Amino acid sequence: MHIWVDADACPGEIKELLFRAANRTETQMTLVANQPMRTPRSEFIDSILVSAGMNVADQRIVDLVEPGDLVITADIPLAADVVAAGGQALNPRGELYTDANVGKRLADRNLLDELRGGGEITGGPANFNNKDRQAFANQLDRWLTLAKR
């Protein structure tokens, strides 16, 4: 069991929660990014620096993820690839992507992308807030509890 973090766009608050959880539960965690990431000194936490480019970090995560792993990402196409590889994905707002829901979420995302591209919808998601952080923490704790059984 390993936690992979799509770290370039992951909120700092979420990274801090993950650092504490990895140490508390002695779970291996790796941040994958195309820029250097500061991580606390820990035998459970490391990082991988990938070259710059579209989806390079995502592809590295897909290459490394194994069944039973968790990937932290807001990127729904990456989440779909992770689920197809036997893992699960958790977004920073606390939504867990599994076989049961990732297909619908990807279809919804693609529809919204088309509507935005046509100018029919403008704007993006609401700002990240304390409710999102709490939902993430709760879902992460549930996942870690189940995974450690």
N, C-alpha and C. Protein backbone atom coordinates (compact mmCIF):
# COMPACT_ATOMS: atom_id res chain seq x y z
N MET A 1 0.85 -1.18 0.00
CA MET A 1 0.00 0.00 0.00
C MET A 1 0.89 1.24 0.00
N HIS A 2 0.59 2.15 -0.90
CA HIS A 2 1.40 3.34 -1.09
C HIS A 2 0.47 4.50 -1.43
N ILE A 3 0.78 5.67 -0.96
CA ILE A 3 0.04 6.87 -1.34
C ILE A 3 0.92 7.67 -2.29
N TRP A 4 0.37 7.99 -3.46
CA TRP A 4 1.04 8.81 -4.47
C TRP A 4 0.31 10.15 -4.52
N VAL A 5 1.06 11.24 -4.60
CA VAL A 5 0.45 12.56 -4.62
C VAL A 5 0.82 13.27 -5.91
N ASP A 6 -0.21 13.66 -6.66
CA ASP A 6 -0.04 14.51 -7.84
C ASP A 6 0.20 15.90 -7.25
N ALA A 7 1.46 16.20 -6.97
CA ALA A 7 1.81 17.27 -6.04
C ALA A 7 1.83 18.68 -6.62
N ASP A 8 1.95 18.84 -7.92
CA ASP A 8 2.05 20.19 -8.48
C ASP A 8 0.86 21.08 -8.11
N ALA A 9 -0.34 20.53 -8.15
CA ALA A 9 -1.52 21.35 -7.89
C ALA A 9 -2.19 21.02 -6.56
N CYS A 10 -1.58 20.17 -5.77
CA CYS A 10 -2.18 19.78 -4.49
C CYS A 10 -2.05 20.93 -3.48
N PRO A 11 -3.16 21.32 -2.85
CA PRO A 11 -3.09 22.41 -1.86
C PRO A 11 -2.12 22.08 -0.71
N GLY A 12 -1.42 23.09 -0.25
CA GLY A 12 -0.47 22.91 0.85
C GLY A 12 -1.09 22.32 2.09
N GLU A 13 -2.32 22.72 2.40
CA GLU A 13 -3.01 22.18 3.58
C GLU A 13 -3.19 20.67 3.47
N ILE A 14 -3.46 20.20 2.27
CA ILE A 14 -3.65 18.77 2.05
C ILE A 14 -2.32 18.04 2.18
N LYS A 15 -1.26 18.62 1.65
CA LYS A 15 0.06 18.00 1.80
C LYS A 15 0.42 17.86 3.28
N GLU A 16 0.14 18.90 4.06
CA GLU A 16 0.45 18.84 5.49
C GLU A 16 -0.34 17.73 6.18
N LEU A 17 -1.62 17.59 5.85
CA LEU A 17 -2.42 16.50 6.40
C LEU A 17 -1.82 15.15 6.01
N LEU A 18 -1.42 15.03 4.75
CA LEU A 18 -0.83 13.78 4.27
C LEU A 18 0.48 13.46 4.97
N PHE A 19 1.31 14.46 5.19
CA PHE A 19 2.58 14.24 5.89
C PHE A 19 2.32 13.66 7.28
N ARG A 20 1.39 14.28 7.99
CA ARG A 20 1.07 13.80 9.35
C ARG A 20 0.50 12.38 9.31
N ALA A 21 -0.40 12.12 8.37
CA ALA A 21 -1.03 10.80 8.27
C ALA A 21 0.00 9.73 7.91
N ALA A 22 0.89 10.02 6.98
CA ALA A 22 1.91 9.04 6.59
C ALA A 22 2.78 8.66 7.78
N ASN A 23 3.20 9.64 8.55
CA ASN A 23 4.02 9.35 9.72
C ASN A 23 3.23 8.63 10.80
N ARG A 24 2.01 9.07 11.05
CA ARG A 24 1.18 8.48 12.10
C ARG A 24 0.88 7.01 11.81
N THR A 25 0.59 6.71 10.54
CA THR A 25 0.18 5.35 10.18
C THR A 25 1.32 4.53 9.57
N GLU A 26 2.50 5.13 9.47
CA GLU A 26 3.67 4.48 8.88
C GLU A 26 3.36 3.95 7.48
N THR A 27 2.78 4.84 6.68
CA THR A 27 2.41 4.52 5.30
C THR A 27 3.35 5.24 4.35
N GLN A 28 3.88 4.50 3.38
CA GLN A 28 4.77 5.11 2.40
C GLN A 28 3.99 6.10 1.53
N MET A 29 4.58 7.27 1.30
CA MET A 29 3.94 8.30 0.49
C MET A 29 5.00 8.95 -0.39
N THR A 30 4.65 9.19 -1.65
CA THR A 30 5.57 9.82 -2.58
C THR A 30 4.86 10.96 -3.29
N LEU A 31 5.46 12.13 -3.28
CA LEU A 31 4.97 13.27 -4.04
C LEU A 31 5.64 13.23 -5.41
N VAL A 32 4.85 13.39 -6.46
CA VAL A 32 5.37 13.40 -7.82
C VAL A 32 5.05 14.78 -8.41
N ALA A 33 6.11 15.47 -8.88
CA ALA A 33 5.92 16.83 -9.37
C ALA A 33 6.99 17.19 -10.39
N ASN A 34 6.73 18.25 -11.14
CA ASN A 34 7.74 18.71 -12.10
C ASN A 34 8.51 19.91 -11.56
N GLN A 35 8.41 20.13 -10.27
CA GLN A 35 9.21 21.14 -9.59
C GLN A 35 9.61 20.58 -8.23
N PRO A 36 10.73 20.99 -7.69
CA PRO A 36 11.15 20.45 -6.39
C PRO A 36 10.10 20.70 -5.30
N MET A 37 9.87 19.70 -4.49
CA MET A 37 8.89 19.79 -3.40
C MET A 37 9.60 19.68 -2.07
N ARG A 38 9.21 20.54 -1.14
CA ARG A 38 9.74 20.43 0.22
C ARG A 38 8.94 19.38 0.96
N THR A 39 9.65 18.44 1.55
CA THR A 39 9.00 17.41 2.34
C THR A 39 9.70 17.32 3.68
N PRO A 40 8.97 16.93 4.71
CA PRO A 40 9.62 16.75 6.01
C PRO A 40 10.54 15.53 5.97
N ARG A 41 11.52 15.54 6.83
CA ARG A 41 12.39 14.36 6.94
C ARG A 41 11.56 13.23 7.55
N SER A 42 11.47 12.16 6.82
CA SER A 42 10.70 11.01 7.28
C SER A 42 11.08 9.79 6.45
N GLU A 43 11.13 8.65 7.10
CA GLU A 43 11.39 7.41 6.36
C GLU A 43 10.18 7.00 5.53
N PHE A 44 9.05 7.65 5.74
CA PHE A 44 7.82 7.29 5.05
C PHE A 44 7.48 8.22 3.89
N ILE A 45 8.19 9.34 3.75
CA ILE A 45 7.84 10.35 2.76
C ILE A 45 9.02 10.63 1.84
N ASP A 46 8.74 10.60 0.53
CA ASP A 46 9.77 11.01 -0.42
C ASP A 46 9.11 11.71 -1.60
N SER A 47 9.92 12.09 -2.57
CA SER A 47 9.38 12.78 -3.74
C SER A 47 10.13 12.34 -4.98
N ILE A 48 9.44 12.48 -6.11
CA ILE A 48 10.03 12.19 -7.41
C ILE A 48 9.88 13.45 -8.25
N LEU A 49 10.98 13.91 -8.81
CA LEU A 49 10.97 15.07 -9.69
C LEU A 49 10.96 14.57 -11.13
N VAL A 50 9.93 14.98 -11.89
CA VAL A 50 9.85 14.60 -13.30
C VAL A 50 10.11 15.83 -14.16
N SER A 51 10.38 15.60 -15.42
CA SER A 51 10.63 16.73 -16.32
C SER A 51 9.33 17.50 -16.55
N ALA A 52 9.47 18.76 -16.95
CA ALA A 52 8.31 19.59 -17.24
C ALA A 52 7.62 19.06 -18.48
N GLY A 53 6.34 19.29 -18.56
CA GLY A 53 5.59 18.86 -19.73
C GLY A 53 4.20 18.43 -19.34
N MET A 54 3.33 18.45 -20.33
CA MET A 54 1.93 18.11 -20.11
C MET A 54 1.79 16.66 -19.67
N ASN A 55 1.21 16.45 -18.51
CA ASN A 55 0.88 15.12 -17.97
C ASN A 55 2.07 14.21 -17.71
N VAL A 56 3.27 14.76 -17.59
CA VAL A 56 4.45 13.93 -17.31
C VAL A 56 4.35 13.32 -15.91
N ALA A 57 3.97 14.13 -14.93
CA ALA A 57 3.81 13.62 -13.56
C ALA A 57 2.68 12.59 -13.52
N ASP A 58 1.59 12.88 -14.21
CA ASP A 58 0.46 11.94 -14.24
C ASP A 58 0.91 10.59 -14.79
N GLN A 59 1.64 10.60 -15.89
CA GLN A 59 2.07 9.34 -16.50
C GLN A 59 3.01 8.58 -15.58
N ARG A 60 3.87 9.30 -14.87
CA ARG A 60 4.79 8.64 -13.93
C ARG A 60 4.01 7.95 -12.82
N ILE A 61 2.97 8.61 -12.33
CA ILE A 61 2.13 8.01 -11.29
C ILE A 61 1.45 6.76 -11.83
N VAL A 62 0.88 6.83 -13.02
CA VAL A 62 0.21 5.67 -13.62
C VAL A 62 1.20 4.52 -13.78
N ASP A 63 2.43 4.82 -14.15
CA ASP A 63 3.45 3.79 -14.32
C ASP A 63 3.80 3.11 -13.00
N LEU A 64 3.71 3.85 -11.90
CA LEU A 64 4.15 3.34 -10.60
C LEU A 64 3.03 2.75 -9.73
N VAL A 65 1.80 3.18 -9.96
CA VAL A 65 0.70 2.76 -9.08
C VAL A 65 0.46 1.26 -9.21
N GLU A 66 0.13 0.65 -8.08
CA GLU A 66 -0.16 -0.77 -8.01
C GLU A 66 -1.53 -0.96 -7.39
N PRO A 67 -2.15 -2.11 -7.62
CA PRO A 67 -3.45 -2.37 -6.99
C PRO A 67 -3.38 -2.15 -5.48
N GLY A 68 -4.37 -1.46 -4.96
CA GLY A 68 -4.42 -1.17 -3.53
C GLY A 68 -3.81 0.17 -3.15
N ASP A 69 -3.11 0.82 -4.07
CA ASP A 69 -2.53 2.13 -3.79
C ASP A 69 -3.59 3.22 -3.86
N LEU A 70 -3.28 4.35 -3.27
CA LEU A 70 -4.14 5.54 -3.30
C LEU A 70 -3.38 6.67 -3.96
N VAL A 71 -4.05 7.38 -4.86
CA VAL A 71 -3.46 8.55 -5.51
C VAL A 71 -4.27 9.77 -5.13
N ILE A 72 -3.59 10.81 -4.69
CA ILE A 72 -4.24 12.07 -4.36
C ILE A 72 -4.14 12.97 -5.58
N THR A 73 -5.30 13.30 -6.17
CA THR A 73 -5.31 14.13 -7.37
C THR A 73 -6.67 14.76 -7.59
N ALA A 74 -6.67 15.93 -8.19
CA ALA A 74 -7.90 16.58 -8.63
C ALA A 74 -8.12 16.33 -10.11
N ASP A 75 -7.22 15.62 -10.74
CA ASP A 75 -7.25 15.36 -12.18
C ASP A 75 -8.08 14.10 -12.44
N ILE A 76 -9.28 14.27 -12.97
CA ILE A 76 -10.18 13.14 -13.15
C ILE A 76 -9.67 12.13 -14.19
N PRO A 77 -9.08 12.57 -15.33
CA PRO A 77 -8.51 11.56 -16.23
C PRO A 77 -7.41 10.72 -15.56
N LEU A 78 -6.58 11.35 -14.72
CA LEU A 78 -5.58 10.58 -13.98
C LEU A 78 -6.27 9.61 -13.03
N ALA A 79 -7.30 10.08 -12.34
CA ALA A 79 -8.04 9.22 -11.42
C ALA A 79 -8.60 8.00 -12.16
N ALA A 80 -9.12 8.21 -13.36
CA ALA A 80 -9.67 7.10 -14.15
C ALA A 80 -8.57 6.10 -14.51
N ASP A 81 -7.39 6.59 -14.87
CA ASP A 81 -6.28 5.70 -15.19
C ASP A 81 -5.83 4.91 -13.96
N VAL A 82 -5.82 5.56 -12.81
CA VAL A 82 -5.43 4.91 -11.56
C VAL A 82 -6.41 3.80 -11.21
N VAL A 83 -7.70 4.09 -11.32
CA VAL A 83 -8.72 3.08 -11.01
C VAL A 83 -8.60 1.91 -11.98
N ALA A 84 -8.35 2.19 -13.26
CA ALA A 84 -8.17 1.13 -14.24
C ALA A 84 -6.96 0.25 -13.90
N ALA A 85 -5.98 0.81 -13.21
CA ALA A 85 -4.78 0.06 -12.81
C ALA A 85 -4.97 -0.67 -11.48
N GLY A 86 -6.16 -0.55 -10.87
CA GLY A 86 -6.43 -1.25 -9.63
C GLY A 86 -6.29 -0.43 -8.37
N GLY A 87 -5.98 0.86 -8.52
CA GLY A 87 -5.86 1.73 -7.36
C GLY A 87 -7.15 2.51 -7.11
N GLN A 88 -7.07 3.41 -6.17
CA GLN A 88 -8.16 4.35 -5.92
C GLN A 88 -7.56 5.74 -5.92
N ALA A 89 -8.40 6.73 -6.16
CA ALA A 89 -7.94 8.10 -6.17
C ALA A 89 -8.84 8.93 -5.27
N LEU A 90 -8.24 9.90 -4.59
CA LEU A 90 -8.96 10.78 -3.69
C LEU A 90 -8.64 12.21 -4.07
N ASN A 91 -9.68 13.01 -4.32
CA ASN A 91 -9.38 14.40 -4.66
C ASN A 91 -9.28 15.24 -3.39
N PRO A 92 -8.65 16.41 -3.47
CA PRO A 92 -8.44 17.23 -2.28
C PRO A 92 -9.72 17.74 -1.61
N ARG A 93 -10.85 17.56 -2.26
CA ARG A 93 -12.13 17.95 -1.66
C ARG A 93 -12.84 16.77 -0.98
N GLY A 94 -12.17 15.60 -0.99
CA GLY A 94 -12.69 14.46 -0.25
C GLY A 94 -13.49 13.45 -1.04
N GLU A 95 -13.52 13.56 -2.37
CA GLU A 95 -14.25 12.58 -3.17
C GLU A 95 -13.32 11.43 -3.54
N LEU A 96 -13.75 10.22 -3.18
CA LEU A 96 -12.97 9.02 -3.49
C LEU A 96 -13.46 8.46 -4.81
N TYR A 97 -12.53 8.25 -5.75
CA TYR A 97 -12.85 7.69 -7.06
C TYR A 97 -12.59 6.20 -7.05
N THR A 98 -13.60 5.45 -7.44
CA THR A 98 -13.53 3.99 -7.47
C THR A 98 -14.13 3.50 -8.79
N ASP A 99 -14.12 2.18 -8.98
CA ASP A 99 -14.76 1.59 -10.16
C ASP A 99 -16.21 2.03 -10.28
N ALA A 100 -16.87 2.21 -9.15
CA ALA A 100 -18.29 2.50 -9.15
C ALA A 100 -18.64 3.91 -9.62
N ASN A 101 -17.70 4.86 -9.52
CA ASN A 101 -18.09 6.25 -9.83
C ASN A 101 -17.18 6.99 -10.80
N VAL A 102 -16.01 6.49 -11.09
CA VAL A 102 -15.06 7.27 -11.87
C VAL A 102 -15.51 7.46 -13.32
N GLY A 103 -16.19 6.48 -13.89
CA GLY A 103 -16.67 6.63 -15.27
C GLY A 103 -17.64 7.78 -15.42
N LYS A 104 -18.57 7.89 -14.48
CA LYS A 104 -19.54 9.00 -14.52
C LYS A 104 -18.85 10.33 -14.30
N ARG A 105 -17.93 10.37 -13.36
CA ARG A 105 -17.21 11.64 -13.09
C ARG A 105 -16.40 12.06 -14.31
N LEU A 106 -15.79 11.12 -15.02
CA LEU A 106 -15.02 11.44 -16.21
C LEU A 106 -15.95 11.95 -17.32
N ALA A 107 -17.10 11.33 -17.48
CA ALA A 107 -18.06 11.78 -18.49
C ALA A 107 -18.56 13.19 -18.16
N ASP A 108 -18.87 13.44 -16.89
CA ASP A 108 -19.31 14.77 -16.46
C ASP A 108 -18.21 15.80 -16.73
N ARG A 109 -16.98 15.45 -16.42
CA ARG A 109 -15.86 16.36 -16.62
C ARG A 109 -15.69 16.68 -18.10
N ASN A 110 -15.80 15.67 -18.95
CA ASN A 110 -15.65 15.89 -20.38
C ASN A 110 -16.77 16.76 -20.94
N LEU A 111 -18.00 16.57 -20.45
CA LEU A 111 -19.11 17.42 -20.88
C LEU A 111 -18.87 18.87 -20.47
N LEU A 112 -18.49 19.08 -19.23
CA LEU A 112 -18.22 20.45 -18.77
C LEU A 112 -17.07 21.08 -19.54
N ASP A 113 -16.07 20.29 -19.87
CA ASP A 113 -14.95 20.79 -20.65
C ASP A 113 -15.42 21.26 -22.03
N GLU A 114 -16.31 20.49 -22.65
CA GLU A 114 -16.88 20.89 -23.95
C GLU A 114 -17.69 22.18 -23.82
N LEU A 115 -18.49 22.26 -22.78
CA LEU A 115 -19.33 23.45 -22.58
C LEU A 115 -18.46 24.69 -22.32
N ARG A 116 -17.39 24.52 -21.55
CA ARG A 116 -16.48 25.64 -21.32
C ARG A 116 -15.80 26.05 -22.61
N GLY A 117 -15.38 25.06 -23.39
CA GLY A 117 -14.72 25.32 -24.67
C GLY A 117 -15.62 26.08 -25.63
N GLY A 118 -16.93 25.84 -25.56
CA GLY A 118 -17.89 26.53 -26.41
C GLY A 118 -18.36 27.85 -25.82
N GLY A 119 -17.84 28.21 -24.65
CA GLY A 119 -18.21 29.47 -24.02
C GLY A 119 -19.55 29.44 -23.32
N GLU A 120 -20.16 28.26 -23.20
CA GLU A 120 -21.47 28.17 -22.57
C GLU A 120 -21.38 28.21 -21.05
N ILE A 121 -20.25 27.83 -20.52
CA ILE A 121 -20.01 27.87 -19.08
C ILE A 121 -18.69 28.59 -18.86
N THR A 122 -18.67 29.48 -17.91
CA THR A 122 -17.41 30.15 -17.55
C THR A 122 -17.14 29.89 -16.08
N GLY A 123 -15.92 30.09 -15.68
CA GLY A 123 -15.56 29.88 -14.28
C GLY A 123 -15.16 28.45 -14.02
N GLY A 124 -14.78 28.21 -12.79
CA GLY A 124 -14.34 26.89 -12.39
C GLY A 124 -14.93 26.52 -11.06
N PRO A 125 -14.29 25.60 -10.36
CA PRO A 125 -14.83 25.17 -9.07
C PRO A 125 -14.70 26.28 -8.02
N ALA A 126 -15.48 26.13 -6.97
CA ALA A 126 -15.43 27.08 -5.85
C ALA A 126 -14.05 27.00 -5.19
N ASN A 127 -13.70 28.04 -4.47
CA ASN A 127 -12.42 28.06 -3.75
C ASN A 127 -12.38 26.93 -2.72
N PHE A 128 -11.18 26.40 -2.51
CA PHE A 128 -10.94 25.36 -1.52
C PHE A 128 -11.21 25.97 -0.14
N ASN A 129 -11.93 25.24 0.73
CA ASN A 129 -12.26 25.80 2.04
C ASN A 129 -12.12 24.75 3.15
N ASN A 130 -12.44 25.15 4.38
CA ASN A 130 -12.29 24.26 5.54
C ASN A 130 -13.18 23.03 5.44
N LYS A 131 -14.37 23.18 4.85
CA LYS A 131 -15.26 22.04 4.67
C LYS A 131 -14.62 21.00 3.75
N ASP A 132 -13.97 21.47 2.70
CA ASP A 132 -13.26 20.57 1.78
C ASP A 132 -12.12 19.85 2.51
N ARG A 133 -11.36 20.61 3.29
CA ARG A 133 -10.23 20.03 4.02
C ARG A 133 -10.72 18.95 4.99
N GLN A 134 -11.82 19.21 5.68
CA GLN A 134 -12.37 18.24 6.63
C GLN A 134 -12.89 17.00 5.91
N ALA A 135 -13.56 17.20 4.76
CA ALA A 135 -14.05 16.06 3.99
C ALA A 135 -12.88 15.19 3.52
N PHE A 136 -11.79 15.83 3.09
CA PHE A 136 -10.61 15.09 2.68
C PHE A 136 -10.03 14.30 3.85
N ALA A 137 -9.86 14.96 4.98
CA ALA A 137 -9.28 14.30 6.16
C ALA A 137 -10.13 13.09 6.58
N ASN A 138 -11.43 13.25 6.56
CA ASN A 138 -12.32 12.14 6.94
C ASN A 138 -12.19 10.97 5.97
N GLN A 139 -12.20 11.27 4.68
CA GLN A 139 -12.10 10.21 3.68
C GLN A 139 -10.73 9.51 3.74
N LEU A 140 -9.67 10.30 3.93
CA LEU A 140 -8.33 9.72 4.06
C LEU A 140 -8.26 8.79 5.27
N ASP A 141 -8.81 9.22 6.39
CA ASP A 141 -8.81 8.37 7.59
C ASP A 141 -9.57 7.07 7.35
N ARG A 142 -10.73 7.17 6.68
CA ARG A 142 -11.49 5.95 6.37
C ARG A 142 -10.67 5.02 5.48
N TRP A 143 -10.02 5.58 4.46
CA TRP A 143 -9.23 4.76 3.54
C TRP A 143 -8.07 4.10 4.27
N LEU A 144 -7.35 4.86 5.08
CA LEU A 144 -6.22 4.31 5.82
C LEU A 144 -6.65 3.21 6.78
N THR A 145 -7.78 3.41 7.44
CA THR A 145 -8.30 2.40 8.37
C THR A 145 -8.61 1.10 7.65
N LEU A 146 -9.30 1.21 6.52
CA LEU A 146 -9.63 0.01 5.74
C LEU A 146 -8.39 -0.65 5.15
N ALA A 147 -7.47 0.15 4.68
CA ALA A 147 -6.27 -0.38 4.04
C ALA A 147 -5.36 -1.09 5.03
N LYS A 148 -5.35 -0.66 6.27
CA LYS A 148 -4.47 -1.25 7.27
C LYS A 148 -5.02 -2.56 7.84
N ARG A 149 -6.28 -2.88 7.51
CA ARG A 149 -6.88 -4.14 8.02
C ARG A 149 -6.32 -5.33 7.35
